[in-house]
Amino acid sequence: MSRWARLVAKVDAIEDGFRRVRLAEERAASLTIDHPVGGDLGTVRVGGSGELLDVRLEANRIRYTTAAAMGEQLLRAIKDAEDEVRETKRELRFR
């Protein structure tokens, strides 16, 4: 294989990598993750860029918890959903 052919092959591989990343980013932008809040308190929804989109709490469940416990559960659910978004984006990049 000539040097020119090797160079063209490398450029093609780089462009293919960029296309895969761009496609993964487009898919991730439309991604939403619903994650349960511990204690069966409800769900949080996080978007593909990691933004918190929605929090839904079960009124009949939250009256049996404290504000501190509910805050910890919400924070944990949001962090877990953000982690799930990052992992899903990573998987999309390598498809």
N, C-alpha and C. Protein backbone atom coordinates (compact mmCIF):
# COMPACT_ATOMS: atom_id res chain seq x y z
N MET A 1 0.85 -1.17 0.00
CA MET A 1 0.00 0.00 0.00
C MET A 1 0.90 1.24 0.00
N SER A 2 0.61 2.17 -0.86
CA SER A 2 1.42 3.38 -0.97
C SER A 2 1.18 4.30 0.23
N ARG A 3 2.08 5.23 0.42
CA ARG A 3 1.93 6.20 1.51
C ARG A 3 0.65 7.01 1.33
N TRP A 4 0.36 7.36 0.08
CA TRP A 4 -0.86 8.11 -0.21
C TRP A 4 -2.10 7.32 0.19
N ALA A 5 -2.14 6.05 -0.15
CA ALA A 5 -3.29 5.20 0.17
C ALA A 5 -3.43 5.06 1.69
N ARG A 6 -2.30 4.92 2.39
CA ARG A 6 -2.36 4.83 3.86
C ARG A 6 -2.89 6.12 4.46
N LEU A 7 -2.46 7.25 3.93
CA LEU A 7 -2.92 8.54 4.40
C LEU A 7 -4.42 8.70 4.15
N VAL A 8 -4.88 8.34 2.99
CA VAL A 8 -6.31 8.42 2.67
C VAL A 8 -7.11 7.51 3.61
N ALA A 9 -6.59 6.32 3.87
CA ALA A 9 -7.28 5.39 4.78
C ALA A 9 -7.37 5.98 6.18
N LYS A 10 -6.31 6.64 6.65
CA LYS A 10 -6.34 7.26 7.98
C LYS A 10 -7.34 8.40 8.03
N VAL A 11 -7.37 9.22 6.99
CA VAL A 11 -8.34 10.33 6.93
C VAL A 11 -9.76 9.78 6.93
N ASP A 12 -9.99 8.73 6.16
CA ASP A 12 -11.33 8.11 6.14
C ASP A 12 -11.72 7.60 7.52
N ALA A 13 -10.77 6.99 8.23
CA ALA A 13 -11.05 6.47 9.57
C ALA A 13 -11.37 7.61 10.54
N ILE A 14 -10.63 8.69 10.44
CA ILE A 14 -10.90 9.86 11.31
C ILE A 14 -12.27 10.44 11.00
N GLU A 15 -12.59 10.60 9.72
CA GLU A 15 -13.91 11.14 9.35
C GLU A 15 -15.02 10.22 9.82
N ASP A 16 -14.82 8.91 9.73
CA ASP A 16 -15.81 7.96 10.21
C ASP A 16 -16.01 8.11 11.72
N GLY A 17 -14.92 8.30 12.44
CA GLY A 17 -15.01 8.52 13.88
C GLY A 17 -15.80 9.77 14.22
N PHE A 18 -15.54 10.85 13.48
CA PHE A 18 -16.29 12.08 13.70
C PHE A 18 -17.78 11.88 13.41
N ARG A 19 -18.10 11.15 12.34
CA ARG A 19 -19.50 10.88 12.02
C ARG A 19 -20.18 10.10 13.15
N ARG A 20 -19.49 9.11 13.69
CA ARG A 20 -20.06 8.31 14.79
C ARG A 20 -20.31 9.18 16.02
N VAL A 21 -19.35 10.04 16.35
CA VAL A 21 -19.51 10.92 17.51
C VAL A 21 -20.66 11.89 17.28
N ARG A 22 -20.74 12.48 16.10
CA ARG A 22 -21.82 13.42 15.78
C ARG A 22 -23.19 12.73 15.87
N LEU A 23 -23.29 11.52 15.34
CA LEU A 23 -24.55 10.76 15.41
C LEU A 23 -24.90 10.44 16.86
N ALA A 24 -23.92 10.05 17.64
CA ALA A 24 -24.16 9.75 19.06
C ALA A 24 -24.64 11.00 19.80
N GLU A 25 -24.06 12.15 19.49
CA GLU A 25 -24.48 13.39 20.13
C GLU A 25 -25.90 13.76 19.74
N GLU A 26 -26.26 13.52 18.49
CA GLU A 26 -27.64 13.80 18.06
C GLU A 26 -28.62 12.88 18.78
N ARG A 27 -28.27 11.61 18.88
CA ARG A 27 -29.13 10.68 19.61
C ARG A 27 -29.25 11.07 21.07
N ALA A 28 -28.12 11.44 21.67
CA ALA A 28 -28.11 11.80 23.08
C ALA A 28 -28.93 13.05 23.35
N ALA A 29 -28.94 13.98 22.41
CA ALA A 29 -29.70 15.22 22.60
C ALA A 29 -31.19 14.94 22.77
N SER A 30 -31.68 13.91 22.13
CA SER A 30 -33.10 13.57 22.23
C SER A 30 -33.38 12.55 23.34
N LEU A 31 -32.36 12.15 24.03
CA LEU A 31 -32.47 11.13 25.07
C LEU A 31 -33.10 11.70 26.34
N THR A 32 -33.97 10.94 26.97
CA THR A 32 -34.45 11.26 28.31
C THR A 32 -34.39 10.00 29.15
N ILE A 33 -34.02 10.16 30.40
CA ILE A 33 -33.92 9.05 31.34
C ILE A 33 -34.87 9.32 32.49
N ASP A 34 -35.76 8.38 32.75
CA ASP A 34 -36.62 8.43 33.93
C ASP A 34 -36.00 7.50 34.97
N HIS A 35 -35.77 8.04 36.15
CA HIS A 35 -35.12 7.25 37.20
C HIS A 35 -35.97 7.31 38.47
N PRO A 36 -36.16 6.16 39.12
CA PRO A 36 -36.99 6.17 40.34
C PRO A 36 -36.28 6.87 41.50
N VAL A 37 -37.07 7.50 42.32
CA VAL A 37 -36.58 8.09 43.56
C VAL A 37 -36.70 7.02 44.63
N GLY A 38 -35.65 6.83 45.40
CA GLY A 38 -35.65 5.81 46.45
C GLY A 38 -36.84 5.96 47.39
N GLY A 39 -37.21 4.86 48.02
CA GLY A 39 -38.35 4.86 48.92
C GLY A 39 -39.66 4.91 48.19
N ASP A 40 -39.60 4.65 46.87
CA ASP A 40 -40.80 4.67 46.04
C ASP A 40 -41.51 6.02 46.10
N LEU A 41 -40.70 7.10 46.20
CA LEU A 41 -41.26 8.44 46.36
C LEU A 41 -41.68 9.08 45.04
N GLY A 42 -41.21 8.56 43.91
CA GLY A 42 -41.56 9.14 42.62
C GLY A 42 -40.48 8.89 41.60
N THR A 43 -40.36 9.81 40.62
CA THR A 43 -39.36 9.67 39.56
C THR A 43 -38.76 11.05 39.23
N VAL A 44 -37.55 11.00 38.70
CA VAL A 44 -36.93 12.19 38.13
C VAL A 44 -36.66 11.91 36.66
N ARG A 45 -36.69 12.94 35.84
CA ARG A 45 -36.40 12.82 34.41
C ARG A 45 -35.23 13.75 34.09
N VAL A 46 -34.22 13.18 33.45
CA VAL A 46 -33.03 13.93 33.07
C VAL A 46 -32.87 13.82 31.57
N GLY A 47 -32.52 14.94 30.92
CA GLY A 47 -32.32 14.98 29.48
C GLY A 47 -30.93 14.56 29.06
N GLY A 48 -30.75 14.43 27.76
CA GLY A 48 -29.51 13.94 27.19
C GLY A 48 -28.29 14.79 27.46
N SER A 49 -28.46 16.05 27.79
CA SER A 49 -27.30 16.86 28.14
C SER A 49 -27.14 16.99 29.64
N GLY A 50 -27.86 16.16 30.39
CA GLY A 50 -27.72 16.11 31.84
C GLY A 50 -28.61 17.06 32.61
N GLU A 51 -29.50 17.77 31.92
CA GLU A 51 -30.36 18.73 32.61
C GLU A 51 -31.55 18.03 33.25
N LEU A 52 -31.93 18.50 34.42
CA LEU A 52 -33.10 17.98 35.12
C LEU A 52 -34.34 18.53 34.43
N LEU A 53 -35.18 17.64 33.93
CA LEU A 53 -36.37 18.05 33.18
C LEU A 53 -37.64 18.02 34.03
N ASP A 54 -37.72 17.06 34.95
CA ASP A 54 -38.98 16.88 35.67
C ASP A 54 -38.73 16.12 36.96
N VAL A 55 -39.54 16.41 37.96
CA VAL A 55 -39.57 15.66 39.22
C VAL A 55 -41.03 15.37 39.51
N ARG A 56 -41.33 14.11 39.68
CA ARG A 56 -42.71 13.73 40.03
C ARG A 56 -42.68 12.94 41.33
N LEU A 57 -43.40 13.45 42.30
CA LEU A 57 -43.44 12.81 43.61
C LEU A 57 -44.83 12.24 43.87
N GLU A 58 -44.85 11.15 44.58
CA GLU A 58 -46.10 10.50 44.97
C GLU A 58 -46.57 11.11 46.30
N ALA A 59 -47.64 11.89 46.24
CA ALA A 59 -48.12 12.60 47.43
C ALA A 59 -48.44 11.65 48.57
N ASN A 60 -48.96 10.48 48.25
CA ASN A 60 -49.32 9.53 49.31
C ASN A 60 -48.08 8.88 49.94
N ARG A 61 -46.92 9.03 49.32
CA ARG A 61 -45.68 8.46 49.87
C ARG A 61 -44.85 9.48 50.64
N ILE A 62 -44.84 10.73 50.16
CA ILE A 62 -43.94 11.71 50.77
C ILE A 62 -44.36 12.12 52.18
N ARG A 63 -45.60 11.91 52.53
CA ARG A 63 -46.02 12.29 53.89
C ARG A 63 -45.42 11.39 54.96
N TYR A 64 -44.84 10.26 54.54
CA TYR A 64 -44.25 9.33 55.50
C TYR A 64 -42.73 9.46 55.59
N THR A 65 -42.19 10.55 55.04
CA THR A 65 -40.75 10.75 55.08
C THR A 65 -40.45 12.15 55.61
N THR A 66 -39.20 12.38 55.95
CA THR A 66 -38.78 13.70 56.41
C THR A 66 -38.23 14.50 55.23
N ALA A 67 -38.14 15.79 55.40
CA ALA A 67 -37.59 16.64 54.35
C ALA A 67 -36.14 16.27 54.06
N ALA A 68 -35.36 16.00 55.09
CA ALA A 68 -33.96 15.64 54.90
C ALA A 68 -33.82 14.33 54.14
N ALA A 69 -34.62 13.34 54.52
CA ALA A 69 -34.55 12.03 53.84
C ALA A 69 -35.00 12.16 52.39
N MET A 70 -36.06 12.94 52.16
CA MET A 70 -36.54 13.11 50.80
C MET A 70 -35.51 13.86 49.96
N GLY A 71 -34.86 14.86 50.53
CA GLY A 71 -33.82 15.60 49.82
C GLY A 71 -32.67 14.67 49.42
N GLU A 72 -32.26 13.80 50.33
CA GLU A 72 -31.19 12.85 50.03
C GLU A 72 -31.61 11.89 48.92
N GLN A 73 -32.84 11.41 48.97
CA GLN A 73 -33.34 10.48 47.96
C GLN A 73 -33.42 11.17 46.59
N LEU A 74 -33.89 12.41 46.57
CA LEU A 74 -33.98 13.15 45.30
C LEU A 74 -32.58 13.39 44.72
N LEU A 75 -31.66 13.82 45.55
CA LEU A 75 -30.31 14.07 45.08
C LEU A 75 -29.68 12.79 44.53
N ARG A 76 -29.86 11.68 45.23
CA ARG A 76 -29.32 10.40 44.78
C ARG A 76 -29.93 10.01 43.44
N ALA A 77 -31.25 10.17 43.29
CA ALA A 77 -31.93 9.81 42.04
C ALA A 77 -31.43 10.66 40.88
N ILE A 78 -31.24 11.96 41.12
CA ILE A 78 -30.76 12.85 40.06
C ILE A 78 -29.34 12.46 39.66
N LYS A 79 -28.47 12.23 40.63
CA LYS A 79 -27.09 11.83 40.32
C LYS A 79 -27.07 10.50 39.56
N ASP A 80 -27.89 9.55 39.99
CA ASP A 80 -27.94 8.25 39.30
C ASP A 80 -28.45 8.41 37.87
N ALA A 81 -29.45 9.26 37.67
CA ALA A 81 -29.97 9.50 36.32
C ALA A 81 -28.91 10.17 35.45
N GLU A 82 -28.17 11.13 36.01
CA GLU A 82 -27.09 11.77 35.26
C GLU A 82 -26.02 10.76 34.87
N ASP A 83 -25.68 9.86 35.80
CA ASP A 83 -24.71 8.79 35.50
C ASP A 83 -25.22 7.90 34.38
N GLU A 84 -26.51 7.58 34.43
CA GLU A 84 -27.11 6.74 33.40
C GLU A 84 -27.07 7.43 32.03
N VAL A 85 -27.30 8.73 32.01
CA VAL A 85 -27.21 9.49 30.76
C VAL A 85 -25.79 9.42 30.22
N ARG A 86 -24.80 9.66 31.08
CA ARG A 86 -23.39 9.61 30.64
C ARG A 86 -23.04 8.23 30.09
N GLU A 87 -23.47 7.18 30.77
CA GLU A 87 -23.17 5.81 30.31
C GLU A 87 -23.88 5.51 28.99
N THR A 88 -25.11 5.93 28.86
CA THR A 88 -25.85 5.71 27.61
C THR A 88 -25.18 6.45 26.46
N LYS A 89 -24.74 7.69 26.72
CA LYS A 89 -24.04 8.46 25.69
C LYS A 89 -22.73 7.76 25.29
N ARG A 90 -22.04 7.22 26.27
CA ARG A 90 -20.79 6.50 25.98
C ARG A 90 -21.08 5.27 25.11
N GLU A 91 -22.14 4.55 25.44
CA GLU A 91 -22.51 3.37 24.64
C GLU A 91 -22.91 3.76 23.23
N LEU A 92 -23.65 4.87 23.09
CA LEU A 92 -24.07 5.32 21.76
C LEU A 92 -22.86 5.66 20.90
N ARG A 93 -21.81 6.20 21.50
CA ARG A 93 -20.62 6.59 20.76
C ARG A 93 -19.91 5.39 20.15
N PHE A 94 -20.04 4.22 20.78
CA PHE A 94 -19.28 3.05 20.31
C PHE A 94 -20.12 2.07 19.53
N ARG A 95 -21.32 2.48 19.13
CA ARG A 95 -22.16 1.60 18.31
C ARG A 95 -21.77 1.71 16.86
